[in-house]
Amino acid sequence: MSYSRLHEPSAYRPSQTALMFLDYQNLLVDMMPSHAKERLITAAKALLEAARKNNIAILHCTCDTNTVPPATNKVAATWDAQYKPIFSASPELGAEYVAFAPTAHSTSLETVHKRPPELQSVLDDKLVPYLRDELGVAHLIFAGIATSGAIMGTMSHGTDIGFVVSVVADACWDPNAQVHTDLIETVIPSLAWVSSVEQAVGYMSG
């Protein structure tokens, strides 16, 4: 492995790569317009199929809708007024979209991780050692909702702590289309790699 290429996704073997699905919860997937939803589902399924086929670690990361943000966090007011009533009335909206969720045939490398709603990054003190020390992962492939939320937060955190990060553009979405475009085309490429589905599948296939 050449030192000069250690910042590139292609420098890492599939066994050093993990696929992370971020906040593909029913509430968020269901709010997508049909054309965007179809494109995202197609992209996410292709990533999932490649990861399962090549025995890549898959992490299903979602917001824990049963916890409450601390009162000092700005998210708390919005959570209490907007999201808590929704999830209380329809808990299934907090579940991962069924087409992406683990199945009865999923291996031990396919795991579910929940985080408190006030945190934008899923890379907590338990997940980072699991990825680095237990799995030997150095390269993370991200797909999820929203681009300005979990994707941006986890991408920034991941690069800060030394992971190589690839964000799959077609497998991400944001309620604000212009924000999504600006992040994918301008902000994220300054810190991480923006990948096509085909490129990401290649990273997982070797």
N, C-alpha and C. Protein backbone atom coordinates (compact mmCIF):
# COMPACT_ATOMS: atom_id res chain seq x y z
N MET A 1 0.84 -1.19 0.00
CA MET A 1 0.00 0.00 0.00
C MET A 1 0.88 1.25 0.00
N SER A 2 0.70 2.10 -0.98
CA SER A 2 1.49 3.31 -1.10
C SER A 2 1.00 4.37 -0.12
N TYR A 3 1.93 4.98 0.63
CA TYR A 3 1.55 6.00 1.61
C TYR A 3 0.84 7.16 0.95
N SER A 4 1.25 7.51 -0.26
CA SER A 4 0.69 8.67 -0.94
C SER A 4 -0.77 8.46 -1.34
N ARG A 5 -1.24 7.21 -1.28
CA ARG A 5 -2.61 6.93 -1.67
C ARG A 5 -3.51 6.58 -0.48
N LEU A 6 -3.02 6.72 0.72
CA LEU A 6 -3.79 6.30 1.89
C LEU A 6 -5.06 7.12 2.08
N HIS A 7 -5.15 8.26 1.43
CA HIS A 7 -6.36 9.08 1.53
C HIS A 7 -7.42 8.67 0.52
N GLU A 8 -7.10 7.71 -0.35
CA GLU A 8 -8.02 7.31 -1.42
C GLU A 8 -8.75 6.02 -1.05
N PRO A 9 -10.05 5.92 -1.38
CA PRO A 9 -10.81 4.70 -1.10
C PRO A 9 -10.21 3.45 -1.75
N SER A 10 -9.63 3.60 -2.92
CA SER A 10 -9.09 2.45 -3.65
C SER A 10 -7.86 1.86 -2.99
N ALA A 11 -7.31 2.54 -1.98
CA ALA A 11 -6.14 2.02 -1.28
C ALA A 11 -6.51 0.91 -0.30
N TYR A 12 -7.81 0.69 -0.09
CA TYR A 12 -8.24 -0.25 0.93
C TYR A 12 -8.99 -1.45 0.35
N ARG A 13 -8.72 -2.61 0.92
CA ARG A 13 -9.36 -3.84 0.49
C ARG A 13 -10.84 -3.84 0.90
N PRO A 14 -11.66 -4.64 0.25
CA PRO A 14 -13.07 -4.74 0.67
C PRO A 14 -13.20 -5.09 2.15
N SER A 15 -12.31 -5.92 2.67
CA SER A 15 -12.37 -6.31 4.08
C SER A 15 -12.08 -5.14 5.02
N GLN A 16 -11.54 -4.05 4.50
CA GLN A 16 -11.27 -2.85 5.29
C GLN A 16 -12.32 -1.78 5.09
N THR A 17 -13.40 -2.17 4.43
CA THR A 17 -14.46 -1.24 4.05
C THR A 17 -15.77 -1.62 4.75
N ALA A 18 -16.54 -0.62 5.15
CA ALA A 18 -17.86 -0.86 5.73
C ALA A 18 -18.89 0.03 5.04
N LEU A 19 -20.08 -0.51 4.85
CA LEU A 19 -21.20 0.24 4.28
C LEU A 19 -22.08 0.70 5.43
N MET A 20 -22.35 2.01 5.49
CA MET A 20 -23.15 2.56 6.57
C MET A 20 -24.41 3.21 6.00
N PHE A 21 -25.57 2.68 6.39
CA PHE A 21 -26.86 3.25 6.02
C PHE A 21 -27.31 4.16 7.17
N LEU A 22 -27.51 5.43 6.88
CA LEU A 22 -27.79 6.42 7.91
C LEU A 22 -29.21 6.97 7.80
N ASP A 23 -30.00 6.73 8.83
CA ASP A 23 -31.34 7.31 8.98
C ASP A 23 -32.28 7.03 7.80
N TYR A 24 -32.23 5.83 7.28
CA TYR A 24 -33.23 5.43 6.28
C TYR A 24 -34.51 5.01 7.00
N GLN A 25 -35.04 5.91 7.80
CA GLN A 25 -36.25 5.61 8.56
C GLN A 25 -37.49 5.95 7.75
N ASN A 26 -38.58 5.23 8.02
CA ASN A 26 -39.79 5.36 7.21
C ASN A 26 -40.28 6.80 7.10
N LEU A 27 -40.22 7.56 8.20
CA LEU A 27 -40.69 8.94 8.17
C LEU A 27 -39.97 9.74 7.10
N LEU A 28 -38.67 9.54 6.98
CA LEU A 28 -37.87 10.32 6.03
C LEU A 28 -38.01 9.80 4.60
N VAL A 29 -37.98 8.49 4.45
CA VAL A 29 -38.12 7.92 3.10
C VAL A 29 -39.49 8.26 2.52
N ASP A 30 -40.53 8.22 3.36
CA ASP A 30 -41.89 8.46 2.88
C ASP A 30 -42.14 9.90 2.47
N MET A 31 -41.31 10.83 2.93
CA MET A 31 -41.53 12.24 2.55
C MET A 31 -40.86 12.59 1.21
N MET A 32 -40.14 11.65 0.64
CA MET A 32 -39.44 11.93 -0.61
C MET A 32 -40.41 11.95 -1.80
N PRO A 33 -40.19 12.85 -2.76
CA PRO A 33 -40.99 12.79 -3.99
C PRO A 33 -40.70 11.49 -4.73
N SER A 34 -41.66 11.01 -5.49
CA SER A 34 -41.58 9.66 -6.07
C SER A 34 -40.35 9.44 -6.93
N HIS A 35 -39.96 10.42 -7.75
CA HIS A 35 -38.82 10.22 -8.64
C HIS A 35 -37.52 10.09 -7.85
N ALA A 36 -37.38 10.92 -6.81
CA ALA A 36 -36.18 10.87 -5.98
C ALA A 36 -36.16 9.59 -5.15
N LYS A 37 -37.31 9.19 -4.68
CA LYS A 37 -37.42 7.97 -3.87
C LYS A 37 -37.04 6.74 -4.70
N GLU A 38 -37.52 6.68 -5.93
CA GLU A 38 -37.19 5.55 -6.79
C GLU A 38 -35.69 5.46 -7.06
N ARG A 39 -35.08 6.61 -7.33
CA ARG A 39 -33.64 6.64 -7.60
C ARG A 39 -32.85 6.20 -6.37
N LEU A 40 -33.23 6.71 -5.22
CA LEU A 40 -32.52 6.36 -3.99
C LEU A 40 -32.67 4.88 -3.65
N ILE A 41 -33.88 4.34 -3.78
CA ILE A 41 -34.10 2.93 -3.47
C ILE A 41 -33.27 2.04 -4.38
N THR A 42 -33.22 2.37 -5.66
CA THR A 42 -32.43 1.59 -6.61
C THR A 42 -30.95 1.62 -6.23
N ALA A 43 -30.46 2.81 -5.87
CA ALA A 43 -29.05 2.96 -5.49
C ALA A 43 -28.74 2.19 -4.21
N ALA A 44 -29.57 2.37 -3.19
CA ALA A 44 -29.33 1.72 -1.91
C ALA A 44 -29.39 0.19 -2.02
N LYS A 45 -30.33 -0.32 -2.80
CA LYS A 45 -30.42 -1.77 -2.99
C LYS A 45 -29.18 -2.32 -3.68
N ALA A 46 -28.64 -1.58 -4.65
CA ALA A 46 -27.43 -2.03 -5.35
C ALA A 46 -26.25 -2.09 -4.38
N LEU A 47 -26.14 -1.09 -3.50
CA LEU A 47 -25.07 -1.08 -2.51
C LEU A 47 -25.23 -2.25 -1.54
N LEU A 48 -26.44 -2.46 -1.09
CA LEU A 48 -26.71 -3.53 -0.12
C LEU A 48 -26.42 -4.90 -0.73
N GLU A 49 -26.83 -5.09 -1.97
CA GLU A 49 -26.58 -6.35 -2.65
C GLU A 49 -25.09 -6.63 -2.78
N ALA A 50 -24.32 -5.61 -3.15
CA ALA A 50 -22.87 -5.78 -3.31
C ALA A 50 -22.21 -6.08 -1.97
N ALA A 51 -22.64 -5.38 -0.93
CA ALA A 51 -22.04 -5.59 0.39
C ALA A 51 -22.33 -7.00 0.90
N ARG A 52 -23.56 -7.46 0.74
CA ARG A 52 -23.91 -8.80 1.19
C ARG A 52 -23.19 -9.87 0.37
N LYS A 53 -23.08 -9.65 -0.90
CA LYS A 53 -22.42 -10.61 -1.77
C LYS A 53 -20.94 -10.77 -1.43
N ASN A 54 -20.30 -9.66 -1.03
CA ASN A 54 -18.86 -9.67 -0.78
C ASN A 54 -18.50 -9.71 0.70
N ASN A 55 -19.50 -10.00 1.53
CA ASN A 55 -19.27 -10.14 2.97
C ASN A 55 -18.65 -8.89 3.59
N ILE A 56 -19.20 -7.74 3.19
CA ILE A 56 -18.76 -6.45 3.71
C ILE A 56 -19.58 -6.12 4.96
N ALA A 57 -18.95 -5.51 5.95
CA ALA A 57 -19.69 -5.09 7.14
C ALA A 57 -20.73 -4.04 6.75
N ILE A 58 -21.96 -4.24 7.23
CA ILE A 58 -23.07 -3.32 6.96
C ILE A 58 -23.61 -2.82 8.29
N LEU A 59 -23.68 -1.52 8.45
CA LEU A 59 -24.18 -0.93 9.69
C LEU A 59 -25.44 -0.14 9.39
N HIS A 60 -26.54 -0.56 9.99
CA HIS A 60 -27.81 0.13 9.85
C HIS A 60 -27.94 1.10 11.03
N CYS A 61 -27.74 2.38 10.75
CA CYS A 61 -27.68 3.38 11.82
C CYS A 61 -28.93 4.27 11.77
N THR A 62 -29.65 4.32 12.87
CA THR A 62 -30.87 5.12 12.92
C THR A 62 -30.93 5.93 14.20
N CYS A 63 -31.81 6.90 14.19
CA CYS A 63 -32.07 7.72 15.37
C CYS A 63 -32.99 6.95 16.31
N ASP A 64 -32.64 6.91 17.58
CA ASP A 64 -33.46 6.23 18.58
C ASP A 64 -34.63 7.13 18.95
N THR A 65 -35.80 6.80 18.44
CA THR A 65 -36.97 7.66 18.64
C THR A 65 -37.59 7.50 20.03
N ASN A 66 -37.04 6.60 20.84
CA ASN A 66 -37.56 6.42 22.20
C ASN A 66 -36.81 7.24 23.24
N THR A 67 -35.77 7.95 22.79
CA THR A 67 -35.01 8.79 23.72
C THR A 67 -35.36 10.26 23.48
N VAL A 68 -35.04 11.08 24.45
CA VAL A 68 -35.39 12.51 24.41
C VAL A 68 -34.11 13.33 24.45
N PRO A 69 -33.97 14.32 23.57
CA PRO A 69 -32.78 15.19 23.62
C PRO A 69 -32.72 15.95 24.93
N PRO A 70 -31.51 16.25 25.44
CA PRO A 70 -31.41 17.04 26.66
C PRO A 70 -31.99 18.44 26.45
N ALA A 71 -32.52 19.01 27.52
CA ALA A 71 -33.20 20.31 27.43
C ALA A 71 -32.29 21.42 26.93
N THR A 72 -30.99 21.26 27.13
CA THR A 72 -30.04 22.29 26.70
C THR A 72 -29.74 22.25 25.21
N ASN A 73 -30.21 21.20 24.52
CA ASN A 73 -29.94 21.07 23.09
C ASN A 73 -31.06 21.73 22.30
N LYS A 74 -30.70 22.47 21.27
CA LYS A 74 -31.69 23.20 20.48
C LYS A 74 -32.68 22.27 19.79
N VAL A 75 -32.26 21.02 19.55
CA VAL A 75 -33.14 20.04 18.91
C VAL A 75 -34.34 19.70 19.79
N ALA A 76 -34.19 19.89 21.10
CA ALA A 76 -35.21 19.44 22.06
C ALA A 76 -36.59 20.05 21.77
N ALA A 77 -36.66 21.34 21.51
CA ALA A 77 -37.95 21.99 21.30
C ALA A 77 -38.64 21.45 20.05
N THR A 78 -37.87 21.30 18.96
CA THR A 78 -38.44 20.76 17.72
C THR A 78 -38.87 19.31 17.92
N TRP A 79 -38.05 18.56 18.65
CA TRP A 79 -38.37 17.14 18.89
C TRP A 79 -39.69 17.02 19.65
N ASP A 80 -39.84 17.80 20.72
CA ASP A 80 -41.06 17.72 21.54
C ASP A 80 -42.30 18.17 20.78
N ALA A 81 -42.15 19.22 19.98
CA ALA A 81 -43.31 19.79 19.31
C ALA A 81 -43.69 19.06 18.02
N GLN A 82 -42.68 18.56 17.30
CA GLN A 82 -42.94 18.00 15.97
C GLN A 82 -42.79 16.49 15.89
N TYR A 83 -41.66 15.97 16.35
CA TYR A 83 -41.37 14.55 16.11
C TYR A 83 -41.92 13.60 17.18
N LYS A 84 -41.86 14.01 18.43
CA LYS A 84 -42.34 13.12 19.50
C LYS A 84 -43.80 12.71 19.31
N PRO A 85 -44.71 13.66 18.98
CA PRO A 85 -46.10 13.26 18.74
C PRO A 85 -46.25 12.29 17.56
N ILE A 86 -45.44 12.49 16.53
CA ILE A 86 -45.53 11.62 15.36
C ILE A 86 -45.11 10.20 15.72
N PHE A 87 -43.98 10.05 16.38
CA PHE A 87 -43.48 8.72 16.71
C PHE A 87 -44.31 8.06 17.81
N SER A 88 -44.92 8.86 18.68
CA SER A 88 -45.80 8.29 19.70
C SER A 88 -47.05 7.71 19.07
N ALA A 89 -47.58 8.40 18.06
CA ALA A 89 -48.80 7.93 17.39
C ALA A 89 -48.52 6.80 16.42
N SER A 90 -47.35 6.85 15.77
CA SER A 90 -47.02 5.84 14.75
C SER A 90 -45.56 5.42 14.90
N PRO A 91 -45.26 4.53 15.85
CA PRO A 91 -43.88 4.12 16.10
C PRO A 91 -43.18 3.52 14.89
N GLU A 92 -43.97 2.94 13.99
CA GLU A 92 -43.36 2.30 12.81
C GLU A 92 -42.66 3.30 11.91
N LEU A 93 -42.99 4.57 12.03
CA LEU A 93 -42.33 5.60 11.22
C LEU A 93 -40.87 5.78 11.63
N GLY A 94 -40.52 5.33 12.83
CA GLY A 94 -39.13 5.41 13.27
C GLY A 94 -38.30 4.21 12.88
N ALA A 95 -38.94 3.19 12.31
CA ALA A 95 -38.22 1.98 11.91
C ALA A 95 -37.50 2.20 10.58
N GLU A 96 -36.46 1.40 10.34
CA GLU A 96 -35.76 1.48 9.06
C GLU A 96 -36.65 0.99 7.94
N TYR A 97 -36.56 1.63 6.80
CA TYR A 97 -37.33 1.25 5.62
C TYR A 97 -37.11 -0.23 5.33
N VAL A 98 -38.19 -0.97 5.21
CA VAL A 98 -38.11 -2.43 5.22
C VAL A 98 -37.25 -3.00 4.09
N ALA A 99 -37.20 -2.35 2.95
CA ALA A 99 -36.41 -2.86 1.82
C ALA A 99 -34.91 -2.83 2.11
N PHE A 100 -34.50 -2.04 3.11
CA PHE A 100 -33.08 -1.93 3.43
C PHE A 100 -32.70 -2.66 4.73
N ALA A 101 -33.67 -3.05 5.50
CA ALA A 101 -33.43 -3.60 6.83
C ALA A 101 -32.78 -4.98 6.77
N PRO A 102 -32.09 -5.38 7.84
CA PRO A 102 -31.53 -6.74 7.90
C PRO A 102 -32.62 -7.79 7.74
N THR A 103 -32.24 -8.93 7.20
CA THR A 103 -33.19 -10.02 7.00
C THR A 103 -32.80 -11.21 7.86
N ALA A 104 -33.60 -12.24 7.79
CA ALA A 104 -33.32 -13.46 8.56
C ALA A 104 -32.03 -14.12 8.10
N HIS A 105 -31.59 -13.77 6.89
CA HIS A 105 -30.38 -14.37 6.34
C HIS A 105 -29.14 -13.49 6.54
N SER A 106 -29.30 -12.36 7.20
CA SER A 106 -28.17 -11.46 7.43
C SER A 106 -27.13 -12.12 8.33
N THR A 107 -25.87 -11.86 8.05
CA THR A 107 -24.78 -12.43 8.86
C THR A 107 -24.48 -11.52 10.04
N SER A 108 -23.54 -11.95 10.87
CA SER A 108 -23.16 -11.16 12.05
C SER A 108 -22.47 -9.86 11.66
N LEU A 109 -22.06 -9.74 10.40
CA LEU A 109 -21.44 -8.50 9.94
C LEU A 109 -22.46 -7.42 9.62
N GLU A 110 -23.75 -7.76 9.68
CA GLU A 110 -24.82 -6.79 9.41
C GLU A 110 -25.49 -6.46 10.74
N THR A 111 -25.25 -5.25 11.23
CA THR A 111 -25.67 -4.89 12.58
C THR A 111 -26.49 -3.59 12.59
N VAL A 112 -27.22 -3.40 13.68
CA VAL A 112 -28.07 -2.22 13.85
C VAL A 112 -27.51 -1.37 14.99
N HIS A 113 -27.43 -0.06 14.76
CA HIS A 113 -26.91 0.86 15.76
C HIS A 113 -27.85 2.06 15.88
N LYS A 114 -28.20 2.42 17.09
CA LYS A 114 -29.07 3.57 17.33
C LYS A 114 -28.31 4.65 18.10
N ARG A 115 -28.68 5.90 17.83
CA ARG A 115 -28.05 7.03 18.51
C ARG A 115 -29.12 7.97 19.02
N PRO A 116 -28.82 8.79 20.02
CA PRO A 116 -29.78 9.79 20.51
C PRO A 116 -30.11 10.80 19.40
N PRO A 117 -31.31 11.34 19.40
CA PRO A 117 -31.73 12.23 18.30
C PRO A 117 -30.96 13.53 18.22
N GLU A 118 -30.28 13.94 19.30
CA GLU A 118 -29.56 15.22 19.25
C GLU A 118 -28.21 15.10 18.56
N LEU A 119 -27.75 13.88 18.29
CA LEU A 119 -26.44 13.69 17.68
C LEU A 119 -26.54 13.55 16.18
N GLN A 120 -25.74 14.32 15.44
CA GLN A 120 -25.71 14.22 13.99
C GLN A 120 -24.80 13.09 13.53
N SER A 121 -23.73 12.82 14.27
CA SER A 121 -22.81 11.75 13.89
C SER A 121 -23.17 10.45 14.58
N VAL A 122 -23.11 9.35 13.84
CA VAL A 122 -23.39 8.03 14.42
C VAL A 122 -22.12 7.40 15.00
N LEU A 123 -20.97 8.03 14.79
CA LEU A 123 -19.69 7.45 15.20
C LEU A 123 -19.41 7.74 16.68
N ASP A 124 -20.06 6.97 17.54
CA ASP A 124 -19.90 7.18 18.97
C ASP A 124 -18.77 6.33 19.55
N ASP A 125 -18.63 6.36 20.86
CA ASP A 125 -17.51 5.69 21.52
C ASP A 125 -17.58 4.17 21.44
N LYS A 126 -18.74 3.62 21.13
CA LYS A 126 -18.87 2.17 20.96
C LYS A 126 -18.65 1.76 19.51
N LEU A 127 -19.13 2.58 18.60
CA LEU A 127 -19.08 2.21 17.18
C LEU A 127 -17.67 2.32 16.60
N VAL A 128 -16.93 3.34 16.99
CA VAL A 128 -15.59 3.53 16.45
C VAL A 128 -14.66 2.36 16.79
N PRO A 129 -14.58 1.91 18.04
CA PRO A 129 -13.74 0.74 18.34
C PRO A 129 -14.23 -0.53 17.63
N TYR A 130 -15.53 -0.66 17.47
CA TYR A 130 -16.06 -1.81 16.74
C TYR A 130 -15.56 -1.83 15.30
N LEU A 131 -15.61 -0.68 14.66
CA LEU A 131 -15.14 -0.57 13.28
C LEU A 131 -13.63 -0.77 13.18
N ARG A 132 -12.89 -0.04 13.98
CA ARG A 132 -11.43 -0.05 13.87
C ARG A 132 -10.78 -1.31 14.44
N ASP A 133 -11.10 -1.61 15.68
CA ASP A 133 -10.39 -2.66 16.39
C ASP A 133 -10.93 -4.06 16.11
N GLU A 134 -12.25 -4.17 16.04
CA GLU A 134 -12.85 -5.49 15.84
C GLU A 134 -12.90 -5.88 14.37
N LEU A 135 -13.23 -4.93 13.51
CA LEU A 135 -13.39 -5.24 12.08
C LEU A 135 -12.18 -4.85 11.24
N GLY A 136 -11.33 -3.95 11.72
CA GLY A 136 -10.19 -3.49 10.94
C GLY A 136 -10.57 -2.59 9.79
N VAL A 137 -11.65 -1.83 9.95
CA VAL A 137 -12.17 -0.97 8.88
C VAL A 137 -11.46 0.38 8.89
N ALA A 138 -11.11 0.86 7.69
CA ALA A 138 -10.49 2.17 7.53
C ALA A 138 -11.28 3.06 6.56
N HIS A 139 -12.13 2.43 5.73
CA HIS A 139 -12.87 3.14 4.68
C HIS A 139 -14.37 2.95 4.92
N LEU A 140 -15.09 4.06 5.01
CA LEU A 140 -16.53 4.03 5.25
C LEU A 140 -17.28 4.54 4.02
N ILE A 141 -18.29 3.79 3.60
CA ILE A 141 -19.16 4.21 2.50
C ILE A 141 -20.50 4.62 3.10
N PHE A 142 -20.92 5.87 2.85
CA PHE A 142 -22.14 6.41 3.44
C PHE A 142 -23.27 6.52 2.42
N ALA A 143 -24.46 6.18 2.90
CA ALA A 143 -25.70 6.40 2.15
C ALA A 143 -26.77 6.72 3.17
N GLY A 144 -27.63 7.70 2.88
CA GLY A 144 -28.66 7.99 3.88
C GLY A 144 -29.36 9.32 3.71
N ILE A 145 -30.14 9.65 4.73
CA ILE A 145 -30.96 10.86 4.79
C ILE A 145 -30.74 11.50 6.16
N ALA A 146 -30.57 12.77 6.25
CA ALA A 146 -30.52 13.75 5.17
C ALA A 146 -29.08 14.12 4.89
N THR A 147 -28.83 14.61 3.70
CA THR A 147 -27.48 15.00 3.33
C THR A 147 -26.94 16.06 4.28
N SER A 148 -27.81 16.98 4.69
CA SER A 148 -27.38 18.06 5.59
C SER A 148 -27.40 17.66 7.06
N GLY A 149 -27.88 16.44 7.35
CA GLY A 149 -27.97 15.98 8.73
C GLY A 149 -26.97 14.89 9.03
N ALA A 150 -27.46 13.64 9.06
CA ALA A 150 -26.61 12.52 9.44
C ALA A 150 -25.43 12.33 8.50
N ILE A 151 -25.62 12.55 7.21
CA ILE A 151 -24.52 12.37 6.25
C ILE A 151 -23.42 13.39 6.50
N MET A 152 -23.78 14.65 6.56
CA MET A 152 -22.78 15.70 6.75
C MET A 152 -22.12 15.58 8.13
N GLY A 153 -22.93 15.32 9.15
CA GLY A 153 -22.39 15.23 10.49
C GLY A 153 -21.44 14.06 10.66
N THR A 154 -21.83 12.90 10.15
CA THR A 154 -20.99 11.71 10.30
C THR A 154 -19.77 11.78 9.38
N MET A 155 -19.94 12.35 8.19
CA MET A 155 -18.81 12.52 7.28
C MET A 155 -17.74 13.40 7.90
N SER A 156 -18.15 14.53 8.46
CA SER A 156 -17.19 15.45 9.07
C SER A 156 -16.47 14.80 10.24
N HIS A 157 -17.23 14.13 11.09
CA HIS A 157 -16.66 13.45 12.25
C HIS A 157 -15.72 12.34 11.81
N GLY A 158 -16.17 11.56 10.82
CA GLY A 158 -15.36 10.43 10.34
C GLY A 158 -14.02 10.86 9.79
N THR A 159 -14.00 11.91 9.00
CA THR A 159 -12.72 12.38 8.46
C THR A 159 -11.85 13.00 9.55
N ASP A 160 -12.49 13.64 10.54
CA ASP A 160 -11.73 14.24 11.65
C ASP A 160 -10.97 13.18 12.45
N ILE A 161 -11.54 11.99 12.57
CA ILE A 161 -10.90 10.95 13.38
C ILE A 161 -10.16 9.92 12.53
N GLY A 162 -9.93 10.25 11.25
CA GLY A 162 -9.00 9.47 10.45
C GLY A 162 -9.56 8.40 9.55
N PHE A 163 -10.88 8.32 9.38
CA PHE A 163 -11.44 7.39 8.40
C PHE A 163 -11.40 8.02 7.01
N VAL A 164 -11.25 7.17 6.00
CA VAL A 164 -11.46 7.59 4.62
C VAL A 164 -12.95 7.41 4.35
N VAL A 165 -13.60 8.43 3.83
CA VAL A 165 -15.06 8.42 3.69
C VAL A 165 -15.46 8.62 2.23
N SER A 166 -16.38 7.76 1.78
CA SER A 166 -17.01 7.93 0.47
C SER A 166 -18.51 8.15 0.69
N VAL A 167 -19.07 9.17 0.05
CA VAL A 167 -20.50 9.45 0.11
C VAL A 167 -21.10 9.15 -1.26
N VAL A 168 -22.08 8.26 -1.28
CA VAL A 168 -22.70 7.86 -2.55
C VAL A 168 -23.84 8.83 -2.86
N ALA A 169 -23.64 9.68 -3.84
CA ALA A 169 -24.56 10.78 -4.10
C ALA A 169 -26.00 10.32 -4.35
N ASP A 170 -26.19 9.33 -5.20
CA ASP A 170 -27.53 8.89 -5.56
C ASP A 170 -28.25 8.14 -4.44
N ALA A 171 -27.50 7.77 -3.40
CA ALA A 171 -28.11 7.07 -2.26
C ALA A 171 -28.35 8.01 -1.08
N CYS A 172 -28.22 9.32 -1.35
CA CYS A 172 -28.47 10.33 -0.31
C CYS A 172 -29.58 11.27 -0.79
N TRP A 173 -30.23 11.90 0.18
CA TRP A 173 -31.30 12.84 -0.16
C TRP A 173 -31.44 13.87 0.95
N ASP A 174 -31.89 15.05 0.56
CA ASP A 174 -32.16 16.11 1.52
C ASP A 174 -33.48 16.79 1.14
N PRO A 175 -34.28 17.18 2.11
CA PRO A 175 -35.53 17.87 1.80
C PRO A 175 -35.33 19.15 0.99
N ASN A 176 -34.16 19.75 1.14
CA ASN A 176 -33.84 20.94 0.37
C ASN A 176 -32.90 20.54 -0.77
N ALA A 177 -33.43 20.50 -1.99
CA ALA A 177 -32.66 20.02 -3.13
C ALA A 177 -31.41 20.85 -3.38
N GLN A 178 -31.50 22.16 -3.18
CA GLN A 178 -30.34 23.01 -3.42
C GLN A 178 -29.25 22.76 -2.39
N VAL A 179 -29.65 22.54 -1.15
CA VAL A 179 -28.67 22.23 -0.11
C VAL A 179 -27.97 20.91 -0.45
N HIS A 180 -28.73 19.91 -0.86
CA HIS A 180 -28.14 18.62 -1.25
C HIS A 180 -27.11 18.82 -2.36
N THR A 181 -27.48 19.58 -3.39
CA THR A 181 -26.57 19.81 -4.51
C THR A 181 -25.32 20.54 -4.07
N ASP A 182 -25.47 21.57 -3.26
CA ASP A 182 -24.32 22.35 -2.80
C ASP A 182 -23.37 21.47 -1.97
N LEU A 183 -23.92 20.65 -1.11
CA LEU A 183 -23.08 19.79 -0.26
C LEU A 183 -22.35 18.74 -1.10
N ILE A 184 -23.07 18.10 -2.00
CA ILE A 184 -22.49 17.03 -2.82
C ILE A 184 -21.45 17.57 -3.80
N GLU A 185 -21.71 18.73 -4.36
CA GLU A 185 -20.82 19.25 -5.40
C GLU A 185 -19.69 20.13 -4.86
N THR A 186 -19.87 20.74 -3.70
CA THR A 186 -18.90 21.72 -3.22
C THR A 186 -18.31 21.40 -1.86
N VAL A 187 -19.15 21.14 -0.88
CA VAL A 187 -18.67 21.02 0.50
C VAL A 187 -18.04 19.65 0.78
N ILE A 188 -18.77 18.58 0.51
CA ILE A 188 -18.28 17.24 0.85
C ILE A 188 -16.99 16.89 0.10
N PRO A 189 -16.85 17.22 -1.19
CA PRO A 189 -15.61 16.87 -1.89
C PRO A 189 -14.35 17.51 -1.32
N SER A 190 -14.50 18.54 -0.50
CA SER A 190 -13.33 19.16 0.11
C SER A 190 -12.80 18.35 1.28
N LEU A 191 -13.61 17.42 1.78
CA LEU A 191 -13.23 16.63 2.95
C LEU A 191 -13.23 15.13 2.70
N ALA A 192 -14.11 14.68 1.81
CA ALA A 192 -14.29 13.25 1.57
C ALA A 192 -14.47 13.02 0.07
N TRP A 193 -14.84 11.79 -0.27
CA TRP A 193 -15.02 11.40 -1.67
C TRP A 193 -16.50 11.27 -1.98
N VAL A 194 -16.93 11.86 -3.07
CA VAL A 194 -18.29 11.67 -3.56
C VAL A 194 -18.22 10.61 -4.65
N SER A 195 -18.97 9.53 -4.45
CA SER A 195 -18.87 8.38 -5.35
C SER A 195 -20.18 8.09 -6.05
N SER A 196 -20.08 7.49 -7.22
CA SER A 196 -21.25 6.93 -7.87
C SER A 196 -21.54 5.56 -7.25
N VAL A 197 -22.71 5.03 -7.55
CA VAL A 197 -23.03 3.68 -7.09
C VAL A 197 -22.02 2.68 -7.64
N GLU A 198 -21.68 2.82 -8.90
CA GLU A 198 -20.75 1.89 -9.54
C GLU A 198 -19.37 1.93 -8.87
N GLN A 199 -18.90 3.12 -8.54
CA GLN A 199 -17.61 3.23 -7.85
C GLN A 199 -17.66 2.57 -6.49
N ALA A 200 -18.73 2.81 -5.75
CA ALA A 200 -18.85 2.24 -4.41
C ALA A 200 -18.93 0.70 -4.47
N VAL A 201 -19.66 0.19 -5.44
CA VAL A 201 -19.74 -1.26 -5.62
C VAL A 201 -18.35 -1.81 -5.92
N GLY A 202 -17.57 -1.08 -6.70
CA GLY A 202 -16.21 -1.49 -7.02
C GLY A 202 -15.32 -1.55 -5.78
N TYR A 203 -15.49 -0.58 -4.87
CA TYR A 203 -14.70 -0.59 -3.64
C TYR A 203 -15.03 -1.81 -2.79
N MET A 204 -16.26 -2.28 -2.86
CA MET A 204 -16.67 -3.43 -2.06
C MET A 204 -16.39 -4.76 -2.74
N SER A 205 -16.06 -4.70 -4.02
CA SER A 205 -15.86 -5.94 -4.79
C SER A 205 -14.38 -6.28 -4.97
N GLY A 206 -13.53 -5.30 -4.79
CA GLY A 206 -12.08 -5.56 -4.92
C GLY A 206 -11.60 -5.42 -6.34
